[in-house]
Amino acid sequence: MQCVKCGTENPPRARFCLCCGAELAQVCPRCGKSLPEGSRFCLECGTRVAQAEVVQLGGSTALTTAIERLIPRELAQRLLATRGRVSTERRLVTILFCDVKGSTAMGATRDPEETLEIMRGAFDFLIPPIYHQKGTLAQIMGDAILAFFGAPIAHEDDAERAIRAGLDLALVRLPTPSPTARRLYLPVIWVR
């Protein structure tokens, strides 16, 4: 197993990297669910897992690092300040969910790595509207984003912020593909 954090090749049964100590786990390539060793199918979504990707848990993966660079500094500081504290206050939370239209068909005609790379590029454009409206990115699930407005940080107008973020997401258009991308028939990304 190769460590995602430092690139060290580890023995097959290693739970932690021999070089940097990062935790290693087998995960579903579709939904990201941690899997027991030797799993052939995902327990969460049922996807066949031939050779599941090994990723570092609890640390900084490439996707986590990419997301962290998209968070405005002020919001990141407020989120870090609330980390670990459980609020007993009742509050309304608005949840925003969006996914990429046609991604299943796109994934069926491409290598999983290529689909993942396309989606990572798309998230660079899909995540900022959430943070711009002071929402919290709760989860990325394959081609979908789940965001909270009102938790852990509440605003008086969280429902309106979620609607504005949703409208901004509906208007997101990725830059015109390069000639190389057009030659490779890379898709136009639309959200719903």
N, C-alpha and C. Protein backbone atom coordinates (compact mmCIF):
# COMPACT_ATOMS: atom_id res chain seq x y z
N MET A 1 0.84 -1.18 0.00
CA MET A 1 0.00 0.00 0.00
C MET A 1 0.89 1.24 0.00
N GLN A 2 0.55 2.17 -0.88
CA GLN A 2 1.33 3.40 -0.96
C GLN A 2 0.64 4.50 -0.15
N CYS A 3 1.41 5.17 0.68
CA CYS A 3 0.88 6.26 1.50
C CYS A 3 0.61 7.47 0.62
N VAL A 4 -0.59 8.03 0.75
CA VAL A 4 -0.96 9.19 -0.04
C VAL A 4 -0.19 10.42 0.43
N LYS A 5 0.11 10.49 1.71
CA LYS A 5 0.76 11.68 2.27
C LYS A 5 2.23 11.79 1.84
N CYS A 6 3.00 10.69 1.98
CA CYS A 6 4.44 10.78 1.71
C CYS A 6 4.90 9.92 0.54
N GLY A 7 4.03 9.02 0.04
CA GLY A 7 4.38 8.20 -1.12
C GLY A 7 5.14 6.93 -0.79
N THR A 8 5.38 6.65 0.48
CA THR A 8 6.12 5.46 0.88
C THR A 8 5.30 4.20 0.60
N GLU A 9 5.97 3.18 0.05
CA GLU A 9 5.31 1.89 -0.18
C GLU A 9 5.33 1.12 1.14
N ASN A 10 4.16 0.69 1.60
CA ASN A 10 4.02 -0.01 2.88
C ASN A 10 3.60 -1.45 2.63
N PRO A 11 3.85 -2.35 3.60
CA PRO A 11 3.40 -3.74 3.46
C PRO A 11 1.88 -3.80 3.33
N PRO A 12 1.34 -4.83 2.68
CA PRO A 12 -0.10 -4.92 2.43
C PRO A 12 -0.97 -4.83 3.68
N ARG A 13 -0.53 -5.33 4.81
CA ARG A 13 -1.37 -5.33 6.02
C ARG A 13 -1.12 -4.11 6.92
N ALA A 14 -0.33 -3.16 6.47
CA ALA A 14 -0.01 -1.98 7.29
C ALA A 14 -1.26 -1.14 7.51
N ARG A 15 -1.46 -0.67 8.74
CA ARG A 15 -2.55 0.24 9.06
C ARG A 15 -2.06 1.68 9.11
N PHE A 16 -0.75 1.83 9.35
CA PHE A 16 -0.13 3.14 9.43
C PHE A 16 1.13 3.14 8.57
N CYS A 17 1.45 4.28 7.99
CA CYS A 17 2.63 4.42 7.14
C CYS A 17 3.89 4.23 7.97
N LEU A 18 4.84 3.45 7.43
CA LEU A 18 6.10 3.21 8.12
C LEU A 18 6.97 4.46 8.20
N CYS A 19 6.79 5.37 7.26
CA CYS A 19 7.64 6.56 7.20
C CYS A 19 7.07 7.75 7.98
N CYS A 20 5.79 8.09 7.71
CA CYS A 20 5.23 9.31 8.31
C CYS A 20 4.19 9.04 9.39
N GLY A 21 3.73 7.79 9.53
CA GLY A 21 2.76 7.46 10.57
C GLY A 21 1.32 7.73 10.23
N ALA A 22 1.04 8.17 8.99
CA ALA A 22 -0.35 8.45 8.59
C ALA A 22 -1.15 7.16 8.54
N GLU A 23 -2.42 7.24 8.94
CA GLU A 23 -3.29 6.08 8.92
C GLU A 23 -3.66 5.74 7.48
N LEU A 24 -3.62 4.45 7.14
CA LEU A 24 -3.98 3.98 5.81
C LEU A 24 -5.28 3.19 5.89
N ALA A 25 -6.10 3.27 4.86
CA ALA A 25 -7.35 2.51 4.85
C ALA A 25 -7.77 2.22 3.42
N GLN A 26 -8.51 1.14 3.24
CA GLN A 26 -9.09 0.82 1.95
C GLN A 26 -10.45 1.52 1.90
N VAL A 27 -10.71 2.26 0.82
CA VAL A 27 -11.96 2.99 0.70
C VAL A 27 -12.63 2.70 -0.63
N CYS A 28 -13.95 2.91 -0.66
CA CYS A 28 -14.71 2.76 -1.90
C CYS A 28 -14.33 3.89 -2.85
N PRO A 29 -14.03 3.57 -4.12
CA PRO A 29 -13.67 4.62 -5.06
C PRO A 29 -14.85 5.51 -5.45
N ARG A 30 -16.08 5.06 -5.18
CA ARG A 30 -17.26 5.84 -5.56
C ARG A 30 -17.73 6.77 -4.45
N CYS A 31 -17.93 6.22 -3.24
CA CYS A 31 -18.51 7.03 -2.17
C CYS A 31 -17.52 7.40 -1.07
N GLY A 32 -16.33 6.78 -1.07
CA GLY A 32 -15.32 7.13 -0.08
C GLY A 32 -15.47 6.43 1.26
N LYS A 33 -16.41 5.50 1.39
CA LYS A 33 -16.64 4.77 2.65
C LYS A 33 -15.44 3.88 2.97
N SER A 34 -14.99 3.88 4.23
CA SER A 34 -13.93 2.98 4.66
C SER A 34 -14.43 1.55 4.58
N LEU A 35 -13.57 0.66 4.11
CA LEU A 35 -13.97 -0.73 3.89
C LEU A 35 -13.10 -1.67 4.72
N PRO A 36 -13.69 -2.78 5.18
CA PRO A 36 -12.88 -3.80 5.83
C PRO A 36 -11.90 -4.39 4.82
N GLU A 37 -10.76 -4.85 5.31
CA GLU A 37 -9.75 -5.42 4.43
C GLU A 37 -10.32 -6.59 3.62
N GLY A 38 -10.01 -6.63 2.34
CA GLY A 38 -10.46 -7.71 1.47
C GLY A 38 -11.86 -7.56 0.92
N SER A 39 -12.50 -6.43 1.15
CA SER A 39 -13.87 -6.21 0.65
C SER A 39 -13.91 -6.29 -0.87
N ARG A 40 -14.95 -6.92 -1.39
CA ARG A 40 -15.14 -6.97 -2.84
C ARG A 40 -16.23 -6.01 -3.28
N PHE A 41 -17.12 -5.61 -2.34
CA PHE A 41 -18.19 -4.66 -2.62
C PHE A 41 -18.26 -3.67 -1.47
N CYS A 42 -18.69 -2.45 -1.78
CA CYS A 42 -18.83 -1.42 -0.76
C CYS A 42 -20.05 -1.70 0.11
N LEU A 43 -19.89 -1.55 1.40
CA LEU A 43 -20.99 -1.76 2.35
C LEU A 43 -22.03 -0.65 2.26
N GLU A 44 -21.62 0.54 1.79
CA GLU A 44 -22.50 1.71 1.76
C GLU A 44 -23.29 1.81 0.46
N CYS A 45 -22.60 1.71 -0.69
CA CYS A 45 -23.27 1.96 -1.97
C CYS A 45 -23.32 0.73 -2.88
N GLY A 46 -22.67 -0.37 -2.51
CA GLY A 46 -22.74 -1.58 -3.29
C GLY A 46 -21.80 -1.64 -4.49
N THR A 47 -20.96 -0.64 -4.66
CA THR A 47 -20.03 -0.62 -5.78
C THR A 47 -19.03 -1.76 -5.67
N ARG A 48 -18.76 -2.41 -6.80
CA ARG A 48 -17.76 -3.46 -6.82
C ARG A 48 -16.40 -2.82 -6.59
N VAL A 49 -15.63 -3.40 -5.68
CA VAL A 49 -14.33 -2.85 -5.33
C VAL A 49 -13.27 -3.88 -5.71
N ALA A 50 -12.71 -3.71 -6.90
CA ALA A 50 -11.66 -4.63 -7.34
C ALA A 50 -10.37 -4.31 -6.58
N GLN A 51 -9.80 -3.17 -6.86
CA GLN A 51 -8.63 -2.68 -6.17
C GLN A 51 -8.99 -1.31 -5.63
N ALA A 52 -9.44 -1.24 -4.41
CA ALA A 52 -9.85 0.04 -3.85
C ALA A 52 -8.62 0.91 -3.61
N GLU A 53 -8.83 2.20 -3.70
CA GLU A 53 -7.77 3.18 -3.50
C GLU A 53 -7.42 3.25 -2.02
N VAL A 54 -6.15 3.40 -1.73
CA VAL A 54 -5.70 3.57 -0.36
C VAL A 54 -5.50 5.05 -0.13
N VAL A 55 -6.15 5.56 0.91
CA VAL A 55 -6.01 6.98 1.21
C VAL A 55 -5.67 7.16 2.68
N GLN A 56 -5.16 8.30 2.98
CA GLN A 56 -4.84 8.64 4.36
C GLN A 56 -6.12 9.13 5.03
N LEU A 57 -6.37 8.67 6.24
CA LEU A 57 -7.53 9.13 7.00
C LEU A 57 -7.07 10.11 8.06
N GLY A 58 -7.96 11.07 8.34
CA GLY A 58 -7.70 11.98 9.44
C GLY A 58 -6.60 13.00 9.17
N GLY A 59 -6.11 13.07 7.98
CA GLY A 59 -5.05 14.02 7.67
C GLY A 59 -5.38 14.77 6.41
N SER A 60 -4.36 15.22 5.74
CA SER A 60 -4.54 16.07 4.57
C SER A 60 -4.39 15.26 3.29
N THR A 61 -5.48 14.98 2.61
CA THR A 61 -5.41 14.35 1.31
C THR A 61 -5.36 15.45 0.27
N ALA A 62 -5.12 15.07 -0.98
CA ALA A 62 -5.05 16.08 -2.04
C ALA A 62 -6.37 16.84 -2.13
N LEU A 63 -7.50 16.13 -2.01
CA LEU A 63 -8.80 16.80 -2.10
C LEU A 63 -9.03 17.71 -0.90
N THR A 64 -8.67 17.24 0.29
CA THR A 64 -8.82 18.07 1.48
C THR A 64 -7.99 19.34 1.36
N THR A 65 -6.76 19.20 0.88
CA THR A 65 -5.89 20.36 0.70
C THR A 65 -6.49 21.32 -0.31
N ALA A 66 -7.05 20.79 -1.39
CA ALA A 66 -7.67 21.65 -2.40
C ALA A 66 -8.86 22.40 -1.82
N ILE A 67 -9.64 21.72 -1.00
CA ILE A 67 -10.81 22.36 -0.38
C ILE A 67 -10.35 23.44 0.60
N GLU A 68 -9.31 23.13 1.38
CA GLU A 68 -8.82 24.09 2.37
C GLU A 68 -8.37 25.39 1.72
N ARG A 69 -7.80 25.32 0.52
CA ARG A 69 -7.33 26.56 -0.12
C ARG A 69 -8.49 27.39 -0.66
N LEU A 70 -9.70 26.80 -0.75
CA LEU A 70 -10.86 27.53 -1.24
C LEU A 70 -11.63 28.24 -0.12
N ILE A 71 -11.34 27.89 1.13
CA ILE A 71 -12.07 28.48 2.26
C ILE A 71 -11.52 29.87 2.55
N PRO A 72 -12.38 30.88 2.61
CA PRO A 72 -11.92 32.21 3.00
C PRO A 72 -11.30 32.17 4.40
N ARG A 73 -10.24 32.93 4.61
CA ARG A 73 -9.50 32.91 5.87
C ARG A 73 -10.40 33.17 7.08
N GLU A 74 -11.28 34.17 6.99
CA GLU A 74 -12.17 34.51 8.11
C GLU A 74 -13.08 33.33 8.46
N LEU A 75 -13.65 32.67 7.46
CA LEU A 75 -14.53 31.53 7.70
C LEU A 75 -13.74 30.37 8.31
N ALA A 76 -12.54 30.13 7.80
CA ALA A 76 -11.71 29.04 8.34
C ALA A 76 -11.42 29.27 9.82
N GLN A 77 -11.12 30.52 10.20
CA GLN A 77 -10.84 30.82 11.60
C GLN A 77 -12.08 30.59 12.47
N ARG A 78 -13.24 30.97 11.97
CA ARG A 78 -14.48 30.77 12.74
C ARG A 78 -14.80 29.29 12.87
N LEU A 79 -14.58 28.52 11.80
CA LEU A 79 -14.84 27.08 11.86
C LEU A 79 -13.89 26.40 12.84
N LEU A 80 -12.62 26.78 12.81
CA LEU A 80 -11.65 26.20 13.74
C LEU A 80 -12.00 26.55 15.18
N ALA A 81 -12.53 27.73 15.40
CA ALA A 81 -12.91 28.15 16.75
C ALA A 81 -14.08 27.32 17.29
N THR A 82 -14.97 26.85 16.42
CA THR A 82 -16.12 26.06 16.87
C THR A 82 -15.83 24.57 16.91
N ARG A 83 -14.71 24.13 16.35
CA ARG A 83 -14.39 22.70 16.29
C ARG A 83 -14.31 22.11 17.69
N GLY A 84 -14.94 20.96 17.85
CA GLY A 84 -14.89 20.26 19.12
C GLY A 84 -15.92 20.71 20.14
N ARG A 85 -16.62 21.80 19.90
CA ARG A 85 -17.64 22.26 20.83
C ARG A 85 -19.01 21.83 20.33
N VAL A 86 -19.78 21.23 21.20
CA VAL A 86 -21.13 20.81 20.84
C VAL A 86 -22.09 21.87 21.36
N SER A 87 -22.92 22.35 20.47
CA SER A 87 -23.88 23.38 20.86
C SER A 87 -25.18 22.73 21.30
N THR A 88 -25.72 23.21 22.41
CA THR A 88 -27.01 22.69 22.88
C THR A 88 -28.13 23.62 22.46
N GLU A 89 -27.80 24.63 21.70
CA GLU A 89 -28.78 25.61 21.23
C GLU A 89 -29.59 25.03 20.07
N ARG A 90 -30.90 25.24 20.11
CA ARG A 90 -31.74 24.86 18.97
C ARG A 90 -31.60 25.90 17.90
N ARG A 91 -31.51 25.45 16.65
CA ARG A 91 -31.42 26.40 15.55
C ARG A 91 -31.92 25.75 14.28
N LEU A 92 -32.32 26.59 13.36
CA LEU A 92 -32.72 26.12 12.05
C LEU A 92 -31.48 26.00 11.17
N VAL A 93 -31.40 24.90 10.46
CA VAL A 93 -30.29 24.67 9.55
C VAL A 93 -30.87 24.41 8.17
N THR A 94 -30.33 25.08 7.18
CA THR A 94 -30.74 24.85 5.80
C THR A 94 -29.66 24.00 5.14
N ILE A 95 -30.10 22.96 4.45
CA ILE A 95 -29.17 22.04 3.79
C ILE A 95 -29.28 22.23 2.29
N LEU A 96 -28.13 22.36 1.64
CA LEU A 96 -28.07 22.49 0.19
C LEU A 96 -27.36 21.27 -0.37
N PHE A 97 -27.98 20.63 -1.33
CA PHE A 97 -27.39 19.47 -1.99
C PHE A 97 -27.39 19.74 -3.48
N CYS A 98 -26.28 19.50 -4.14
CA CYS A 98 -26.26 19.61 -5.60
C CYS A 98 -25.35 18.52 -6.16
N ASP A 99 -25.68 18.07 -7.35
CA ASP A 99 -24.82 17.10 -8.01
C ASP A 99 -24.60 17.53 -9.45
N VAL A 100 -23.63 16.90 -10.08
CA VAL A 100 -23.28 17.23 -11.45
C VAL A 100 -24.15 16.40 -12.39
N LYS A 101 -24.86 17.09 -13.24
CA LYS A 101 -25.77 16.44 -14.19
C LYS A 101 -24.97 15.62 -15.20
N GLY A 102 -25.39 14.38 -15.39
CA GLY A 102 -24.78 13.51 -16.40
C GLY A 102 -23.47 12.88 -15.97
N SER A 103 -23.12 12.99 -14.70
CA SER A 103 -21.82 12.46 -14.27
C SER A 103 -21.78 10.93 -14.29
N THR A 104 -22.91 10.28 -14.07
CA THR A 104 -22.94 8.82 -14.12
C THR A 104 -22.62 8.34 -15.52
N ALA A 105 -23.24 8.96 -16.52
CA ALA A 105 -22.96 8.60 -17.92
C ALA A 105 -21.51 8.93 -18.26
N MET A 106 -21.02 10.06 -17.77
CA MET A 106 -19.64 10.45 -18.02
C MET A 106 -18.69 9.41 -17.42
N GLY A 107 -18.96 8.98 -16.20
CA GLY A 107 -18.11 8.01 -15.54
C GLY A 107 -18.13 6.65 -16.20
N ALA A 108 -19.23 6.32 -16.86
CA ALA A 108 -19.33 5.01 -17.52
C ALA A 108 -18.46 4.92 -18.76
N THR A 109 -18.10 6.07 -19.34
CA THR A 109 -17.32 6.07 -20.58
C THR A 109 -15.87 6.46 -20.37
N ARG A 110 -15.46 6.69 -19.12
CA ARG A 110 -14.10 7.13 -18.83
C ARG A 110 -13.48 6.26 -17.74
N ASP A 111 -12.16 6.31 -17.68
CA ASP A 111 -11.46 5.66 -16.58
C ASP A 111 -11.84 6.36 -15.28
N PRO A 112 -11.90 5.63 -14.16
CA PRO A 112 -12.24 6.26 -12.89
C PRO A 112 -11.29 7.41 -12.52
N GLU A 113 -10.01 7.24 -12.83
CA GLU A 113 -9.04 8.30 -12.51
C GLU A 113 -9.33 9.56 -13.30
N GLU A 114 -9.71 9.40 -14.57
CA GLU A 114 -10.03 10.56 -15.41
C GLU A 114 -11.29 11.26 -14.90
N THR A 115 -12.29 10.47 -14.53
CA THR A 115 -13.52 11.04 -13.98
C THR A 115 -13.23 11.80 -12.69
N LEU A 116 -12.41 11.21 -11.82
CA LEU A 116 -12.04 11.86 -10.57
C LEU A 116 -11.32 13.17 -10.83
N GLU A 117 -10.42 13.20 -11.80
CA GLU A 117 -9.69 14.42 -12.13
C GLU A 117 -10.63 15.50 -12.66
N ILE A 118 -11.60 15.11 -13.49
CA ILE A 118 -12.59 16.07 -14.00
C ILE A 118 -13.40 16.65 -12.85
N MET A 119 -13.83 15.77 -11.92
CA MET A 119 -14.64 16.24 -10.80
C MET A 119 -13.84 17.15 -9.86
N ARG A 120 -12.58 16.82 -9.63
CA ARG A 120 -11.75 17.69 -8.79
C ARG A 120 -11.64 19.07 -9.40
N GLY A 121 -11.48 19.13 -10.71
CA GLY A 121 -11.44 20.42 -11.39
C GLY A 121 -12.76 21.16 -11.27
N ALA A 122 -13.87 20.42 -11.36
CA ALA A 122 -15.19 21.04 -11.25
C ALA A 122 -15.43 21.59 -9.85
N PHE A 123 -14.95 20.88 -8.82
CA PHE A 123 -15.16 21.36 -7.46
C PHE A 123 -14.46 22.69 -7.20
N ASP A 124 -13.39 22.98 -7.93
CA ASP A 124 -12.74 24.29 -7.80
C ASP A 124 -13.70 25.43 -8.12
N PHE A 125 -14.71 25.15 -8.94
CA PHE A 125 -15.70 26.17 -9.32
C PHE A 125 -17.00 26.03 -8.53
N LEU A 126 -17.28 24.83 -8.01
CA LEU A 126 -18.54 24.58 -7.34
C LEU A 126 -18.51 24.88 -5.84
N ILE A 127 -17.36 24.83 -5.23
CA ILE A 127 -17.26 25.06 -3.79
C ILE A 127 -17.27 26.54 -3.41
N PRO A 128 -16.59 27.43 -4.13
CA PRO A 128 -16.55 28.84 -3.72
C PRO A 128 -17.91 29.51 -3.51
N PRO A 129 -18.96 29.24 -4.33
CA PRO A 129 -20.25 29.88 -4.03
C PRO A 129 -20.80 29.53 -2.65
N ILE A 130 -20.51 28.35 -2.16
CA ILE A 130 -20.97 27.94 -0.82
C ILE A 130 -20.26 28.79 0.23
N TYR A 131 -18.95 28.90 0.11
CA TYR A 131 -18.19 29.68 1.09
C TYR A 131 -18.47 31.18 0.95
N HIS A 132 -18.72 31.63 -0.25
CA HIS A 132 -19.03 33.05 -0.46
C HIS A 132 -20.28 33.45 0.32
N GLN A 133 -21.24 32.52 0.43
CA GLN A 133 -22.48 32.79 1.17
C GLN A 133 -22.38 32.34 2.63
N LYS A 134 -21.16 32.05 3.09
CA LYS A 134 -20.88 31.68 4.49
C LYS A 134 -21.49 30.33 4.89
N GLY A 135 -21.61 29.43 3.91
CA GLY A 135 -22.05 28.08 4.20
C GLY A 135 -20.88 27.21 4.61
N THR A 136 -21.18 26.02 5.09
CA THR A 136 -20.16 25.06 5.50
C THR A 136 -20.26 23.84 4.60
N LEU A 137 -19.18 23.50 3.94
CA LEU A 137 -19.14 22.30 3.12
C LEU A 137 -19.13 21.10 4.05
N ALA A 138 -20.20 20.33 4.04
CA ALA A 138 -20.32 19.20 4.97
C ALA A 138 -19.71 17.94 4.39
N GLN A 139 -19.93 17.70 3.08
CA GLN A 139 -19.46 16.46 2.50
C GLN A 139 -19.41 16.56 0.99
N ILE A 140 -18.42 15.89 0.41
CA ILE A 140 -18.37 15.68 -1.03
C ILE A 140 -18.58 14.20 -1.24
N MET A 141 -19.58 13.85 -2.03
CA MET A 141 -19.92 12.45 -2.26
C MET A 141 -19.84 12.17 -3.75
N GLY A 142 -18.68 11.77 -4.22
CA GLY A 142 -18.51 11.49 -5.64
C GLY A 142 -18.66 12.73 -6.48
N ASP A 143 -19.85 12.93 -7.05
CA ASP A 143 -20.11 14.09 -7.91
C ASP A 143 -21.03 15.09 -7.23
N ALA A 144 -21.26 14.94 -5.94
CA ALA A 144 -22.25 15.78 -5.25
C ALA A 144 -21.62 16.53 -4.08
N ILE A 145 -22.27 17.64 -3.74
CA ILE A 145 -21.84 18.47 -2.62
C ILE A 145 -23.01 18.62 -1.65
N LEU A 146 -22.73 18.47 -0.36
CA LEU A 146 -23.70 18.71 0.69
C LEU A 146 -23.17 19.86 1.54
N ALA A 147 -23.97 20.90 1.70
CA ALA A 147 -23.53 22.07 2.47
C ALA A 147 -24.59 22.45 3.50
N PHE A 148 -24.12 22.98 4.63
CA PHE A 148 -25.00 23.45 5.69
C PHE A 148 -24.94 24.96 5.77
N PHE A 149 -26.08 25.56 5.99
CA PHE A 149 -26.17 26.99 6.27
C PHE A 149 -26.88 27.11 7.61
N GLY A 150 -26.17 27.59 8.62
CA GLY A 150 -26.73 27.69 9.97
C GLY A 150 -26.04 26.79 10.96
N ALA A 151 -25.12 25.95 10.51
CA ALA A 151 -24.36 25.09 11.41
C ALA A 151 -22.99 24.86 10.80
N PRO A 152 -21.94 24.92 11.52
CA PRO A 152 -21.89 25.26 12.94
C PRO A 152 -21.99 26.76 13.21
N ILE A 153 -21.91 27.57 12.17
CA ILE A 153 -22.00 29.02 12.34
C ILE A 153 -23.36 29.49 11.84
N ALA A 154 -24.10 30.20 12.70
CA ALA A 154 -25.45 30.65 12.34
C ALA A 154 -25.44 32.12 11.93
N HIS A 155 -26.32 32.42 10.97
CA HIS A 155 -26.57 33.79 10.54
C HIS A 155 -28.08 33.99 10.55
N GLU A 156 -28.50 35.21 10.61
CA GLU A 156 -29.92 35.54 10.64
C GLU A 156 -30.64 35.08 9.38
N ASP A 157 -29.94 35.08 8.25
CA ASP A 157 -30.56 34.81 6.95
C ASP A 157 -29.97 33.57 6.27
N ASP A 158 -29.75 32.50 7.03
CA ASP A 158 -29.11 31.31 6.46
C ASP A 158 -29.91 30.69 5.31
N ALA A 159 -31.23 30.67 5.41
CA ALA A 159 -32.04 30.09 4.32
C ALA A 159 -31.84 30.89 3.03
N GLU A 160 -31.81 32.21 3.15
CA GLU A 160 -31.58 33.05 1.97
C GLU A 160 -30.17 32.83 1.41
N ARG A 161 -29.21 32.67 2.28
CA ARG A 161 -27.83 32.42 1.84
C ARG A 161 -27.76 31.11 1.07
N ALA A 162 -28.47 30.09 1.54
CA ALA A 162 -28.48 28.80 0.85
C ALA A 162 -29.11 28.93 -0.53
N ILE A 163 -30.18 29.69 -0.62
CA ILE A 163 -30.84 29.91 -1.92
C ILE A 163 -29.90 30.65 -2.86
N ARG A 164 -29.24 31.69 -2.36
CA ARG A 164 -28.30 32.44 -3.21
C ARG A 164 -27.15 31.55 -3.67
N ALA A 165 -26.65 30.72 -2.78
CA ALA A 165 -25.57 29.80 -3.16
C ALA A 165 -26.06 28.82 -4.21
N GLY A 166 -27.29 28.30 -4.04
CA GLY A 166 -27.85 27.38 -5.03
C GLY A 166 -28.01 28.04 -6.39
N LEU A 167 -28.48 29.28 -6.40
CA LEU A 167 -28.61 30.00 -7.67
C LEU A 167 -27.24 30.24 -8.30
N ASP A 168 -26.26 30.61 -7.48
CA ASP A 168 -24.90 30.79 -8.00
C ASP A 168 -24.37 29.48 -8.58
N LEU A 169 -24.64 28.37 -7.90
CA LEU A 169 -24.18 27.07 -8.40
C LEU A 169 -24.85 26.72 -9.73
N ALA A 170 -26.14 27.05 -9.84
CA ALA A 170 -26.85 26.75 -11.08
C ALA A 170 -26.29 27.56 -12.26
N LEU A 171 -25.67 28.69 -11.96
CA LEU A 171 -25.11 29.53 -13.02
C LEU A 171 -23.64 29.25 -13.30
N VAL A 172 -23.02 28.37 -12.52
CA VAL A 172 -21.60 28.07 -12.72
C VAL A 172 -21.39 27.41 -14.08
N ARG A 173 -20.46 27.95 -14.82
CA ARG A 173 -20.04 27.34 -16.08
C ARG A 173 -18.52 27.28 -16.04
N LEU A 174 -18.00 26.13 -16.31
CA LEU A 174 -16.55 25.99 -16.32
C LEU A 174 -15.99 26.73 -17.52
N PRO A 175 -14.73 27.13 -17.45
CA PRO A 175 -14.12 27.81 -18.59
C PRO A 175 -14.20 26.96 -19.85
N THR A 176 -14.18 27.62 -21.00
CA THR A 176 -14.22 26.91 -22.27
C THR A 176 -13.06 25.93 -22.32
N PRO A 177 -13.34 24.67 -22.65
CA PRO A 177 -12.27 23.67 -22.68
C PRO A 177 -11.19 24.05 -23.70
N SER A 178 -9.98 23.68 -23.39
CA SER A 178 -8.86 23.90 -24.30
C SER A 178 -9.04 23.02 -25.53
N PRO A 179 -8.31 23.29 -26.61
CA PRO A 179 -8.40 22.41 -27.79
C PRO A 179 -8.10 20.96 -27.45
N THR A 180 -7.14 20.74 -26.54
CA THR A 180 -6.83 19.36 -26.14
C THR A 180 -8.03 18.73 -25.44
N ALA A 181 -8.66 19.48 -24.54
CA ALA A 181 -9.82 18.96 -23.82
C ALA A 181 -10.96 18.67 -24.79
N ARG A 182 -11.16 19.55 -25.76
CA ARG A 182 -12.23 19.30 -26.75
C ARG A 182 -11.92 18.05 -27.57
N ARG A 183 -10.64 17.85 -27.89
CA ARG A 183 -10.24 16.67 -28.65
C ARG A 183 -10.52 15.40 -27.84
N LEU A 184 -10.36 15.50 -26.52
CA LEU A 184 -10.62 14.35 -25.65
C LEU A 184 -12.10 14.23 -25.28
N TYR A 185 -12.93 15.15 -25.80
CA TYR A 185 -14.37 15.14 -25.55
C TYR A 185 -14.68 15.28 -24.07
N LEU A 186 -14.00 16.21 -23.41
CA LEU A 186 -14.32 16.44 -22.00
C LEU A 186 -15.68 17.11 -21.91
N PRO A 187 -16.46 16.75 -20.91
CA PRO A 187 -17.84 17.22 -20.83
C PRO A 187 -17.96 18.66 -20.37
N VAL A 188 -19.10 19.24 -20.66
CA VAL A 188 -19.47 20.52 -20.08
C VAL A 188 -20.15 20.18 -18.76
N ILE A 189 -19.76 20.84 -17.69
CA ILE A 189 -20.27 20.54 -16.35
C ILE A 189 -21.48 21.42 -16.04
N TRP A 190 -22.59 20.80 -15.68
CA TRP A 190 -23.80 21.49 -15.24
C TRP A 190 -24.18 20.92 -13.88
N VAL A 191 -24.69 21.75 -13.01
CA VAL A 191 -25.15 21.24 -11.71
C VAL A 191 -26.66 21.32 -11.63
N ARG A 192 -27.21 20.52 -10.75
CA ARG A 192 -28.66 20.56 -10.51
C ARG A 192 -28.93 20.40 -9.04
